[in-house]
Amino acid sequence: MAYKLRTRTQKRPYVSCDDDDDDDGYESDSRRRMDPEFTRNVRPRRSNTLITESAEQRRAGRPPRRTRKSTPSAGEASTSGSKPGEYVARTIMSWLIDHGIIIENEKIYYVADREGDSDDHKQNKREVLMKGRSRREGVRCECCNEVMTVWDFETHAGSDLQRPYEHIYVARSNSSLLQCQVEVWQSNVEVERRTFNEIVPRDGASDKHDDACLICADGGDLICCEKCWSTSHLKCLGLESIPQGDWICPYSVCRHCNKNDKDLQTCVQCYKKYHFQCILNYKEWDLNTSGETLACDSRCGEVHEKLQSLVGVKHELEGGFCWTLLQRMEPDNLVFRDRHLITECNSKIALAWEVLDECFTTIIDRHTQINVVQSVAYSRGSNLNRINFRGFYTAILERNDDIISAATIRVHGTDLAEMPFIGTRHLYRQNGMSRMLLVTLESILSVVGVEHLIIPSVQELTEMWERKCGFSPIEDAVSQKIINRSTLTFPSAVRLQKALLSTPAGSPSAVMNADVGVDMVSENCAKLAGLDLNQEYTESGDEEAENK
């Protein structure tokens, strides 16, 4: 029989396990920008809102009681101990100080285990090689009174172990900086930021399906998947009429045979479903060379292997800059990766989120109330495919361990990658930092073998991205690939694409386009302000952020 459409024109309250209650007043701000009948001549202000109602009140459908909380403007410190307008370095040391694990200017020292000591006696037989004081920028050495990064402090101490966080100890607590990072990462604040987004409809809801389209993120008349909670518009699916029988979304069937049964596996890279037998039948994997099969085909397997080999590894650039690819990793990864690397990577994920939070106003998904940028940065999963952000990587640009730019990317096999957010801290804007990071990312994706990079763009900036950065409107072939993949977008946003393999990212023309394009974004865009990507503009350009 014919499948019936379910109308979803009204917002339905959800109860989410996400306890981050930041809200940016999206409803009123977006109305000011989009509703021609809204004549109140008030310029939107950057603000965050703390929702203070209880879960019981939300379930009962009561309007939330909102109270304003103070938010530092761009360039101001986010910590209580800083002065207004003061730039605060986003380093791991600064992060530990902000969380109260260490105190600024307290005694620390670099130690090394004496050779021949057993594990039981190492703690009592450590040799202090260098003493210093904790600083937000790193360490102030007691012997030369110079402020340096923790890595330089290790070298200054005469050690070549390249494990500074493991060997620098806080005198007061006798804990290593590595242990301090683990303590913060396991704190309630950090655990809540990376918790699985389990979206549960309120009591009495007619069904559990998403109220927004998996493809365009907008509401309306949606067709519902019979195997998961995803929904889509007929138009977004390229359909003209309601399909006969049950409709099953692309994320609930094998990508090779389009069947749904209990034997489906999940690809470690693109998170599409597949049958192991289909891999053998379609010769999608060379089992003689690939070893254990965790991906849906050899291309996804190769992409995953290449990206994972880059995670947590610093790559030097000119001018004292370096870039690193990050992804949240849990303790069970310790079997395969180094504990020092995993701990540092997780800490920098938290710092990258702070950078993006500084660059963008809070984006709250209007249907589920999750914090979108935060969920992307921490690659949080969800039972709703539309907001399932597993698989996201975060690329950062650093100088002297200070994170100054961050971008989020997700790679869907070799077909395409998406980059929904890129931003640079206020002090470094207008200096080509996002250009440097963008060109680096394009180079990485080209080497990995990705064909297209897609972005969600504000309507007013599509011409700039096309003319200056080499992006173009989505082609039919790429549009079909997007239908079969869950990519992050926002209502009224315009998706753009850029072919990566046809124009190598490291070529002079690509560098030139990225340079001009990102600078144009810096000159014309202010903070992201709402789900529809409408933005506030400033005449002076002092508050701009490089973003889409």
Protein backbone atom coordinates (compact mmCIF):
# COMPACT_ATOMS: atom_id res chain seq x y z
CA MET A 1 0.00 0.00 0.00
CA ALA A 2 1.06 3.59 -0.43
CA TYR A 3 3.13 5.12 2.32
CA LYS A 4 1.51 8.10 4.08
CA LEU A 5 3.29 11.36 4.67
CA ARG A 6 3.45 12.63 8.21
CA THR A 7 3.12 16.38 8.57
CA ARG A 8 5.77 17.99 10.79
CA THR A 9 5.16 21.69 10.53
CA GLN A 10 5.23 22.33 14.26
CA LYS A 11 8.17 22.03 16.58
CA ARG A 12 7.91 19.05 18.92
CA PRO A 13 9.67 19.24 22.31
CA TYR A 14 12.40 16.69 22.86
CA VAL A 15 14.18 15.56 25.97
CA SER A 16 17.86 15.05 25.32
CA CYS A 17 20.57 13.59 27.49
CA ASP A 18 22.66 16.57 26.40
CA ASP A 19 22.72 18.81 29.47
CA ASP A 20 24.41 21.72 27.75
CA ASP A 21 21.72 24.36 28.09
CA ASP A 22 23.31 27.14 26.07
CA ASP A 23 20.86 28.92 23.79
CA ASP A 24 21.46 31.95 21.64
CA GLY A 25 17.90 33.18 21.29
CA TYR A 26 17.70 31.84 17.75
CA GLU A 27 13.95 32.22 17.40
CA SER A 28 13.90 36.01 17.85
CA ASP A 29 17.22 36.71 16.11
CA SER A 30 16.32 34.74 12.99
CA ARG A 31 12.96 36.46 12.81
CA ARG A 32 14.63 39.85 12.82
CA ARG A 33 16.71 38.82 9.84
CA MET A 34 14.23 36.79 7.80
CA ASP A 35 10.68 38.04 8.49
CA PRO A 36 9.92 41.16 6.37
CA GLU A 37 6.99 41.94 8.65
CA PHE A 38 9.21 42.13 11.69
CA THR A 39 9.89 45.87 11.70
CA ARG A 40 11.62 46.29 15.02
CA ASN A 41 14.79 48.19 14.14
CA VAL A 42 17.09 46.48 16.60
CA ARG A 43 20.52 45.24 15.64
CA PRO A 44 21.04 41.66 16.86
CA ARG A 45 23.62 41.30 19.58
CA ARG A 46 25.88 38.36 20.22
CA SER A 47 24.55 36.67 23.32
CA ASN A 48 24.26 33.33 24.99
CA THR A 49 21.27 32.22 27.00
CA LEU A 50 21.18 29.83 29.90
CA ILE A 51 18.03 27.73 29.99
CA THR A 52 17.21 27.16 33.63
CA GLU A 53 14.01 25.16 33.45
CA SER A 54 13.95 21.59 34.66
CA ALA A 55 13.48 18.52 32.52
CA GLU A 56 10.01 18.09 33.99
CA GLN A 57 9.06 21.58 32.83
CA ARG A 58 10.31 20.87 29.34
CA ARG A 59 8.31 17.66 29.17
CA ALA A 60 5.22 19.54 30.27
CA GLY A 61 5.73 21.96 27.41
CA ARG A 62 6.18 25.01 29.59
CA PRO A 63 8.09 27.90 28.04
CA PRO A 64 11.67 28.01 29.30
CA ARG A 65 12.74 30.67 31.72
CA ARG A 66 15.91 32.24 30.30
CA THR A 67 18.48 34.25 32.18
CA ARG A 68 21.31 36.10 30.53
CA LYS A 69 24.86 35.14 31.34
CA SER A 70 27.81 37.35 30.65
CA THR A 71 29.82 36.42 27.57
CA PRO A 72 33.20 37.96 26.74
CA SER A 73 33.40 39.70 23.40
CA ALA A 74 35.84 38.53 20.78
CA GLY A 75 39.39 38.80 22.01
CA GLU A 76 38.48 38.85 25.68
CA ALA A 77 39.57 36.13 28.02
CA SER A 78 37.03 33.48 28.87
CA THR A 79 38.43 33.00 32.36
CA SER A 80 37.49 34.87 35.46
CA GLY A 81 41.05 35.78 36.29
CA SER A 82 41.78 37.66 33.06
CA LYS A 83 41.37 41.32 32.29
CA PRO A 84 38.84 42.61 29.73
CA GLY A 85 40.36 42.75 26.27
CA GLU A 86 43.30 40.53 27.23
CA TYR A 87 44.26 37.76 24.83
CA VAL A 88 44.52 34.41 26.60
CA ALA A 89 46.50 31.62 24.98
CA ARG A 90 44.55 28.45 24.19
CA THR A 91 47.19 25.97 25.35
CA ILE A 92 46.88 22.81 27.40
CA MET A 93 48.54 24.64 30.30
CA SER A 94 45.92 27.38 30.07
CA TRP A 95 43.19 24.73 29.94
CA LEU A 96 44.48 23.08 33.13
CA ILE A 97 44.68 26.46 34.86
CA ASP A 98 41.13 27.35 33.83
CA HIS A 99 39.86 24.10 35.35
CA GLY A 100 41.74 24.71 38.60
CA ILE A 101 43.90 21.61 38.31
CA ILE A 102 47.09 23.66 38.40
CA ILE A 103 47.69 27.22 39.58
CA GLU A 104 49.40 29.81 37.45
CA ASN A 105 52.99 30.44 38.53
CA GLU A 106 53.18 27.41 40.80
CA LYS A 107 56.28 25.24 40.95
CA ILE A 108 56.71 22.46 38.40
CA TYR A 109 59.69 20.36 37.44
CA TYR A 110 60.84 18.04 34.70
CA VAL A 111 61.89 14.61 35.94
CA ALA A 112 63.47 11.56 34.40
CA ASP A 113 63.53 8.00 35.72
CA ARG A 114 66.98 6.82 36.64
CA GLU A 115 68.26 3.99 34.50
CA GLY A 116 68.04 0.56 36.09
CA ASP A 117 65.17 1.46 38.44
CA SER A 118 62.30 -0.96 38.63
CA ASP A 119 58.74 0.23 38.15
CA ASP A 120 58.07 -0.15 41.91
CA HIS A 121 60.86 2.26 42.82
CA LYS A 122 60.67 4.79 39.97
CA GLN A 123 58.39 7.18 41.84
CA ASN A 124 60.91 7.56 44.69
CA LYS A 125 63.97 7.64 42.43
CA ARG A 126 63.05 10.31 39.90
CA GLU A 127 65.77 12.76 39.01
CA VAL A 128 64.78 16.42 38.68
CA LEU A 129 66.38 17.80 35.52
CA MET A 130 64.84 21.28 35.43
CA LYS A 131 62.58 23.47 37.57
CA GLY A 132 60.13 26.08 36.44
CA ARG A 133 56.82 27.85 37.01
CA SER A 134 53.53 27.14 35.32
CA ARG A 135 52.34 29.73 32.85
CA ARG A 136 49.39 29.85 30.46
CA GLU A 137 51.84 29.97 27.56
CA GLY A 138 53.81 27.01 28.92
CA VAL A 139 56.62 27.09 31.47
CA ARG A 140 58.84 29.83 32.85
CA CYS A 141 62.24 28.25 33.39
CA GLU A 142 63.91 29.07 36.72
CA CYS A 143 67.43 28.90 35.32
CA CYS A 144 67.01 31.42 32.50
CA ASN A 145 63.68 33.07 33.38
CA GLU A 146 62.45 32.47 29.81
CA VAL A 147 58.86 31.48 29.03
CA MET A 148 58.73 28.51 26.65
CA THR A 149 56.40 25.74 25.55
CA VAL A 150 56.34 22.47 27.48
CA TRP A 151 58.05 20.83 24.51
CA ASP A 152 60.87 23.37 24.54
CA PHE A 153 61.11 23.00 28.32
CA GLU A 154 61.70 19.28 27.86
CA THR A 155 64.45 19.97 25.33
CA HIS A 156 65.86 22.67 27.62
CA ALA A 157 66.05 20.03 30.37
CA GLY A 158 68.27 17.92 28.14
CA SER A 159 65.71 15.24 27.38
CA ASP A 160 64.79 13.88 23.96
CA LEU A 161 61.90 11.65 25.08
CA GLN A 162 59.29 13.91 23.43
CA ARG A 163 56.81 13.14 26.20
CA PRO A 164 56.73 16.39 28.19
CA TYR A 165 53.30 15.97 29.77
CA GLU A 166 54.35 12.62 31.18
CA HIS A 167 57.57 13.93 32.72
CA ILE A 168 56.60 17.42 33.93
CA TYR A 169 55.23 17.24 37.46
CA VAL A 170 53.35 19.72 39.64
CA ALA A 171 55.24 20.11 42.91
CA ARG A 172 52.12 20.77 44.99
CA SER A 173 50.19 17.65 43.94
CA ASN A 174 53.07 15.48 42.72
CA SER A 175 50.97 14.71 39.66
CA SER A 176 52.22 14.74 36.10
CA LEU A 177 50.64 17.09 33.57
CA LEU A 178 49.42 13.95 31.82
CA GLN A 179 47.55 12.88 34.95
CA CYS A 180 46.16 16.40 35.28
CA GLN A 181 44.78 16.27 31.75
CA VAL A 182 43.13 12.91 32.40
CA GLU A 183 41.53 14.35 35.53
CA VAL A 184 39.98 17.23 33.58
CA TRP A 185 38.91 14.96 30.71
CA GLN A 186 37.09 12.72 33.19
CA SER A 187 35.39 15.63 34.94
CA ASN A 188 31.62 15.99 34.74
CA VAL A 189 31.90 19.05 32.50
CA GLU A 190 33.95 17.25 29.85
CA VAL A 191 31.98 14.01 30.08
CA GLU A 192 28.72 15.89 29.43
CA ARG A 193 30.24 17.59 26.38
CA ARG A 194 30.99 14.28 24.68
CA THR A 195 28.03 12.19 25.88
CA PHE A 196 26.02 10.34 23.26
CA ASN A 197 23.08 12.51 22.14
CA GLU A 198 20.21 10.21 22.97
CA ILE A 199 17.10 12.05 21.75
CA VAL A 200 13.89 10.91 23.41
CA PRO A 201 10.48 12.36 22.41
CA ARG A 202 8.32 13.64 25.22
CA ASP A 203 5.59 11.48 26.68
CA GLY A 204 2.56 11.30 24.45
CA ALA A 205 4.43 11.95 21.20
CA SER A 206 2.94 10.17 18.20
CA ASP A 207 6.26 8.62 17.14
CA LYS A 208 10.01 8.85 17.62
CA HIS A 209 10.95 10.12 14.17
CA ASP A 210 13.03 13.24 13.59
CA ASP A 211 11.16 16.47 12.91
CA ALA A 212 13.71 17.64 10.34
CA CYS A 213 14.82 16.30 6.99
CA LEU A 214 18.00 14.23 6.98
CA ILE A 215 19.18 15.99 3.82
CA CYS A 216 18.18 19.67 4.19
CA ALA A 217 17.58 19.90 7.99
CA ASP A 218 14.22 21.65 7.48
CA GLY A 219 10.76 20.59 8.61
CA GLY A 220 7.51 20.17 6.71
CA ASP A 221 5.89 17.11 5.13
CA LEU A 222 8.36 14.30 5.70
CA ILE A 223 8.47 10.63 4.79
CA CYS A 224 9.68 8.41 7.62
CA CYS A 225 12.14 5.54 7.52
CA GLU A 226 10.71 2.24 8.73
CA LYS A 227 14.04 1.04 10.18
CA CYS A 228 15.35 4.14 12.00
CA TRP A 229 14.13 7.57 13.10
CA SER A 230 15.25 9.46 9.98
CA THR A 231 12.87 11.51 7.83
CA SER A 232 13.19 13.21 4.44
CA HIS A 233 11.31 15.38 1.97
CA LEU A 234 10.25 13.73 -1.25
CA LYS A 235 11.89 16.57 -3.17
CA CYS A 236 15.19 16.12 -1.34
CA LEU A 237 15.14 12.43 -2.27
CA GLY A 238 14.47 13.28 -5.90
CA LEU A 239 11.05 11.63 -5.77
CA GLU A 240 7.88 13.00 -7.32
CA SER A 241 5.39 10.76 -5.55
CA ILE A 242 5.11 8.77 -2.36
CA PRO A 243 6.81 5.37 -2.79
CA GLN A 244 4.73 2.21 -2.57
CA GLY A 245 5.26 0.13 0.54
CA ASP A 246 7.86 0.90 3.19
CA TRP A 247 10.59 3.46 2.65
CA ILE A 248 14.00 2.75 4.18
CA CYS A 249 16.65 5.48 4.32
CA PRO A 250 20.17 5.00 2.88
CA TYR A 251 21.62 4.60 6.39
CA SER A 252 19.52 1.53 7.17
CA VAL A 253 20.36 -0.64 4.15
CA CYS A 254 23.50 -2.25 2.79
CA ARG A 255 25.24 0.22 0.50
CA HIS A 256 25.93 -2.60 -1.97
CA CYS A 257 22.66 -4.56 -2.20
CA ASN A 258 20.20 -2.06 -0.64
CA LYS A 259 18.77 -4.74 1.64
CA ASN A 260 18.06 -4.51 5.34
CA ASP A 261 18.55 -7.44 7.72
CA LYS A 262 20.20 -8.35 11.00
CA ASP A 263 23.61 -9.11 9.46
CA LEU A 264 24.44 -5.49 8.62
CA GLN A 265 27.79 -4.09 9.74
CA THR A 266 28.69 -0.40 10.16
CA CYS A 267 31.60 1.09 8.23
CA VAL A 268 34.30 2.51 10.46
CA GLN A 269 34.80 5.51 8.13
CA CYS A 270 31.53 6.55 6.46
CA TYR A 271 29.18 4.80 8.94
CA LYS A 272 27.09 3.36 6.11
CA LYS A 273 25.79 -0.20 6.52
CA TYR A 274 27.15 -3.16 4.58
CA HIS A 275 27.16 -6.95 4.43
CA PHE A 276 30.47 -8.72 4.72
CA GLN A 277 29.29 -11.16 2.08
CA CYS A 278 28.55 -8.27 -0.29
CA ILE A 279 32.16 -7.14 0.01
CA LEU A 280 33.22 -10.58 -1.19
CA ASN A 281 30.58 -10.78 -3.91
CA TYR A 282 31.26 -7.30 -5.30
CA LYS A 283 35.04 -7.71 -4.84
CA GLU A 284 35.11 -4.47 -2.87
CA TRP A 285 38.05 -5.56 -0.73
CA ASP A 286 41.28 -7.40 -1.30
CA LEU A 287 41.34 -9.60 1.80
CA ASN A 288 44.86 -10.74 1.00
CA THR A 289 46.27 -7.24 1.58
CA SER A 290 43.74 -5.46 3.79
CA GLY A 291 43.64 -7.70 6.83
CA GLU A 292 40.64 -7.25 9.16
CA THR A 293 37.62 -5.77 7.40
CA LEU A 294 36.04 -2.86 9.31
CA ALA A 295 35.09 -0.69 6.33
CA CYS A 296 32.41 -1.05 3.68
CA ASP A 297 34.95 -1.17 0.84
CA SER A 298 38.67 -0.82 0.20
CA ARG A 299 38.43 2.92 -0.51
CA CYS A 300 36.85 3.68 2.85
CA GLY A 301 39.40 1.41 4.48
CA GLU A 302 42.32 3.25 2.88
CA VAL A 303 40.86 6.66 3.74
CA HIS A 304 40.37 5.62 7.35
CA GLU A 305 43.89 4.23 7.61
CA LYS A 306 45.46 7.39 6.17
CA LEU A 307 43.45 9.76 8.35
CA GLN A 308 44.10 7.76 11.51
CA SER A 309 47.83 7.85 10.79
CA LEU A 310 47.63 11.66 10.89
CA VAL A 311 45.65 11.98 14.12
CA GLY A 312 47.59 13.69 16.89
CA VAL A 313 50.76 14.16 14.83
CA LYS A 314 52.16 17.69 14.53
CA HIS A 315 53.21 18.88 11.09
CA GLU A 316 55.43 21.93 10.88
CA LEU A 317 54.66 24.86 8.59
CA GLU A 318 56.57 28.03 7.78
CA GLY A 319 56.65 30.90 10.25
CA GLY A 320 56.65 28.72 13.37
CA PHE A 321 53.14 27.38 12.72
CA CYS A 322 52.07 23.76 12.77
CA TRP A 323 48.86 21.88 12.04
CA THR A 324 47.42 18.79 13.67
CA LEU A 325 44.47 16.58 12.85
CA LEU A 326 42.47 15.62 15.94
CA GLN A 327 39.72 13.17 16.75
CA ARG A 328 38.32 12.23 20.12
CA MET A 329 39.70 8.92 21.32
CA GLU A 330 38.63 6.83 24.28
CA PRO A 331 40.79 4.66 26.60
CA ASP A 332 39.97 1.50 24.65
CA ASN A 333 42.12 2.92 21.85
CA LEU A 334 45.17 2.56 24.11
CA VAL A 335 45.75 -0.90 22.68
CA PHE A 336 46.62 0.69 19.36
CA ARG A 337 47.85 4.19 20.22
CA ASP A 338 50.20 5.90 22.62
CA ARG A 339 48.67 7.10 25.91
CA HIS A 340 50.55 10.40 25.75
CA LEU A 341 49.27 11.05 22.22
CA ILE A 342 45.66 10.14 23.06
CA THR A 343 45.59 12.32 26.17
CA GLU A 344 47.08 15.32 24.37
CA CYS A 345 44.70 14.82 21.45
CA ASN A 346 41.63 14.78 23.70
CA SER A 347 42.80 17.88 25.56
CA LYS A 348 43.25 19.76 22.28
CA ILE A 349 39.77 18.68 21.18
CA ALA A 350 38.47 20.53 24.24
CA LEU A 351 40.61 23.55 23.36
CA ALA A 352 39.51 23.50 19.72
CA TRP A 353 35.91 23.57 20.90
CA GLU A 354 36.71 26.66 23.00
CA VAL A 355 38.21 28.33 19.92
CA LEU A 356 35.14 27.55 17.82
CA ASP A 357 32.88 28.67 20.65
CA GLU A 358 34.77 31.96 20.67
CA CYS A 359 34.38 32.33 16.90
CA PHE A 360 30.69 31.39 16.60
CA THR A 361 27.57 32.24 18.51
CA THR A 362 25.95 29.23 20.10
CA ILE A 363 24.01 27.14 17.57
CA ILE A 364 21.19 25.19 19.16
CA ASP A 365 19.34 22.71 16.95
CA ARG A 366 15.76 23.90 17.13
CA HIS A 367 14.30 20.40 17.03
CA THR A 368 16.51 18.58 19.54
CA GLN A 369 18.08 21.47 21.50
CA ILE A 370 21.62 20.09 21.16
CA ASN A 371 24.62 22.37 20.83
CA VAL A 372 25.63 21.74 17.21
CA VAL A 373 29.19 23.12 17.14
CA GLN A 374 30.06 21.42 20.41
CA SER A 375 28.63 18.10 19.24
CA VAL A 376 30.61 18.32 16.00
CA ALA A 377 33.88 19.22 17.74
CA TYR A 378 33.53 16.28 20.13
CA SER A 379 32.23 14.00 17.33
CA ARG A 380 29.22 13.02 19.40
CA GLY A 381 27.02 10.20 18.21
CA SER A 382 23.22 10.15 18.29
CA ASN A 383 20.29 7.86 17.69
CA LEU A 384 19.13 10.37 15.04
CA ASN A 385 21.22 10.13 11.87
CA ARG A 386 20.81 13.85 11.13
CA ILE A 387 22.69 14.83 14.28
CA ASN A 388 24.98 11.82 14.45
CA PHE A 389 28.36 13.51 14.23
CA ARG A 390 30.58 10.50 14.66
CA GLY A 391 33.44 10.54 12.22
CA PHE A 392 34.17 14.27 12.46
CA TYR A 393 37.80 15.34 12.70
CA THR A 394 39.03 18.70 13.92
CA ALA A 395 42.05 20.34 12.30
CA ILE A 396 43.91 22.97 14.30
CA LEU A 397 46.56 25.55 13.51
CA GLU A 398 49.00 26.28 16.34
CA ARG A 399 51.87 28.57 17.12
CA ASN A 400 53.90 27.93 20.26
CA ASP A 401 51.24 25.43 21.40
CA ASP A 402 48.58 28.15 21.19
CA ILE A 403 45.58 27.06 19.09
CA ILE A 404 44.63 29.99 16.88
CA SER A 405 42.46 28.41 14.15
CA ALA A 406 40.21 25.35 14.01
CA ALA A 407 38.10 23.63 11.37
CA THR A 408 35.84 20.58 11.44
CA ILE A 409 35.77 18.02 8.63
CA ARG A 410 34.10 14.70 7.97
CA VAL A 411 35.17 12.43 5.11
CA HIS A 412 32.58 10.26 3.39
CA GLY A 413 34.86 7.81 1.65
CA THR A 414 36.55 9.12 -1.49
CA ASP A 415 33.37 10.72 -2.85
CA LEU A 416 33.26 13.84 -0.73
CA ALA A 417 34.23 15.57 2.51
CA GLU A 418 32.34 18.27 4.37
CA MET A 419 33.66 21.27 6.31
CA PRO A 420 30.83 23.01 8.19
CA PHE A 421 32.95 25.22 10.47
CA ILE A 422 36.26 27.06 10.26
CA GLY A 423 37.28 29.94 12.51
CA THR A 424 40.26 31.98 13.72
CA ARG A 425 40.72 33.72 17.04
CA HIS A 426 40.27 37.49 17.03
CA LEU A 427 43.92 38.49 17.48
CA TYR A 428 45.04 36.52 14.42
CA ARG A 429 42.31 37.46 11.97
CA GLN A 430 43.17 39.36 8.79
CA ASN A 431 46.51 37.49 8.71
CA GLY A 432 45.64 34.55 6.46
CA MET A 433 45.39 31.96 9.25
CA SER A 434 42.22 30.36 7.95
CA ARG A 435 43.72 30.46 4.47
CA MET A 436 46.68 28.47 5.75
CA LEU A 437 44.43 25.92 7.43
CA LEU A 438 42.05 25.67 4.47
CA VAL A 439 44.87 25.04 1.99
CA THR A 440 46.32 22.45 4.35
CA LEU A 441 43.01 20.64 4.58
CA GLU A 442 42.54 20.65 0.82
CA SER A 443 46.01 19.17 0.46
CA ILE A 444 45.24 16.44 2.98
CA LEU A 445 41.98 15.53 1.31
CA SER A 446 43.61 15.46 -2.12
CA VAL A 447 46.33 13.11 -0.88
CA VAL A 448 43.73 10.87 0.75
CA GLY A 449 41.90 10.74 -2.59
CA VAL A 450 38.74 12.70 -1.81
CA GLU A 451 37.06 14.10 -4.93
CA HIS A 452 34.97 16.98 -3.58
CA LEU A 453 34.81 19.29 -0.57
CA ILE A 454 31.37 20.66 0.29
CA ILE A 455 30.42 23.52 2.61
CA PRO A 456 27.17 25.10 3.81
CA SER A 457 27.30 28.79 2.88
CA VAL A 458 25.28 31.84 3.79
CA GLN A 459 23.22 32.97 0.81
CA GLU A 460 24.90 36.39 0.75
CA LEU A 461 28.37 34.84 0.46
CA THR A 462 27.85 32.21 -2.22
CA GLU A 463 29.17 34.52 -4.95
CA MET A 464 32.31 35.20 -2.95
CA TRP A 465 32.99 31.50 -2.35
CA GLU A 466 32.44 30.77 -6.02
CA ARG A 467 34.46 33.66 -7.41
CA LYS A 468 37.34 33.80 -4.94
CA CYS A 469 37.67 30.32 -3.45
CA GLY A 470 36.94 28.04 -6.38
CA PHE A 471 33.65 26.67 -5.04
CA SER A 472 30.64 26.18 -7.27
CA PRO A 473 26.96 25.19 -7.02
CA ILE A 474 26.30 21.54 -6.29
CA GLU A 475 26.25 19.44 -9.45
CA ASP A 476 23.68 16.71 -9.99
CA ALA A 477 26.24 13.94 -9.55
CA VAL A 478 27.44 15.36 -6.23
CA SER A 479 23.86 16.07 -5.17
CA GLN A 480 23.05 12.39 -5.60
CA LYS A 481 25.99 11.49 -3.37
CA ILE A 482 24.76 13.91 -0.72
CA ILE A 483 21.34 12.21 -0.74
CA ASN A 484 23.00 8.97 0.25
CA ARG A 485 25.07 10.54 3.02
CA SER A 486 24.25 12.48 6.14
CA THR A 487 25.98 15.85 5.83
CA LEU A 488 25.55 18.79 8.18
CA THR A 489 23.60 21.74 6.85
CA PHE A 490 21.13 24.35 8.11
CA PRO A 491 17.79 25.70 6.91
CA SER A 492 18.28 28.36 4.20
CA ALA A 493 21.97 27.48 3.82
CA VAL A 494 23.36 26.90 0.32
CA ARG A 495 25.63 23.94 -0.25
CA LEU A 496 28.68 24.55 -2.41
CA GLN A 497 31.27 22.16 -3.77
CA LYS A 498 34.90 22.29 -4.79
CA ALA A 499 36.64 19.67 -6.91
CA LEU A 500 39.85 18.70 -5.15
CA LEU A 501 41.57 16.26 -7.47
CA SER A 502 41.17 18.38 -10.60
CA THR A 503 43.00 21.33 -8.96
CA PRO A 504 45.61 20.18 -6.43
CA ALA A 505 45.26 22.17 -3.23
CA GLY A 506 48.95 22.99 -3.10
CA SER A 507 49.05 24.53 -6.55
CA PRO A 508 49.64 28.30 -6.86
CA SER A 509 46.14 28.96 -8.16
CA ALA A 510 44.55 27.08 -5.28
CA VAL A 511 46.66 28.95 -2.74
CA MET A 512 45.80 32.27 -4.34
CA ASN A 513 42.07 31.53 -4.38
CA ALA A 514 42.09 30.39 -0.78
CA ASP A 515 44.06 33.48 0.25
CA VAL A 516 41.67 35.95 -1.37
CA GLY A 517 38.54 34.01 -0.48
CA VAL A 518 39.16 33.57 3.22
CA ASP A 519 40.32 37.16 3.57
CA MET A 520 37.04 38.23 1.97
CA VAL A 521 35.19 36.19 4.57
CA SER A 522 37.21 37.93 7.28
CA GLU A 523 36.31 41.35 5.93
CA ASN A 524 32.59 40.74 5.51
CA CYS A 525 31.40 38.16 8.04
CA ALA A 526 30.66 38.42 11.71
CA LYS A 527 29.86 35.61 14.08
CA LEU A 528 27.56 32.85 12.99
CA ALA A 529 24.17 33.72 14.43
CA GLY A 530 21.61 31.00 14.27
CA LEU A 531 20.60 27.80 12.59
CA ASP A 532 19.89 29.48 9.27
CA LEU A 533 23.45 30.81 9.06
CA ASN A 534 22.29 34.41 8.94
CA GLN A 535 25.08 36.60 10.23
CA GLU A 536 25.57 39.93 11.90
CA TYR A 537 27.66 42.45 10.01
CA THR A 538 29.85 45.20 11.40
CA GLU A 539 30.97 48.36 9.68
CA SER A 540 34.46 48.30 11.14
CA GLY A 541 35.02 44.60 10.60
CA ASP A 542 36.58 44.30 14.07
CA GLU A 543 34.35 41.40 15.10
CA GLU A 544 34.51 39.29 12.00
CA ALA A 545 35.06 35.54 12.05
CA GLU A 546 36.15 33.31 9.24
CA ASN A 547 33.29 30.90 8.85
CA LYS A 548 30.48 29.70 6.66
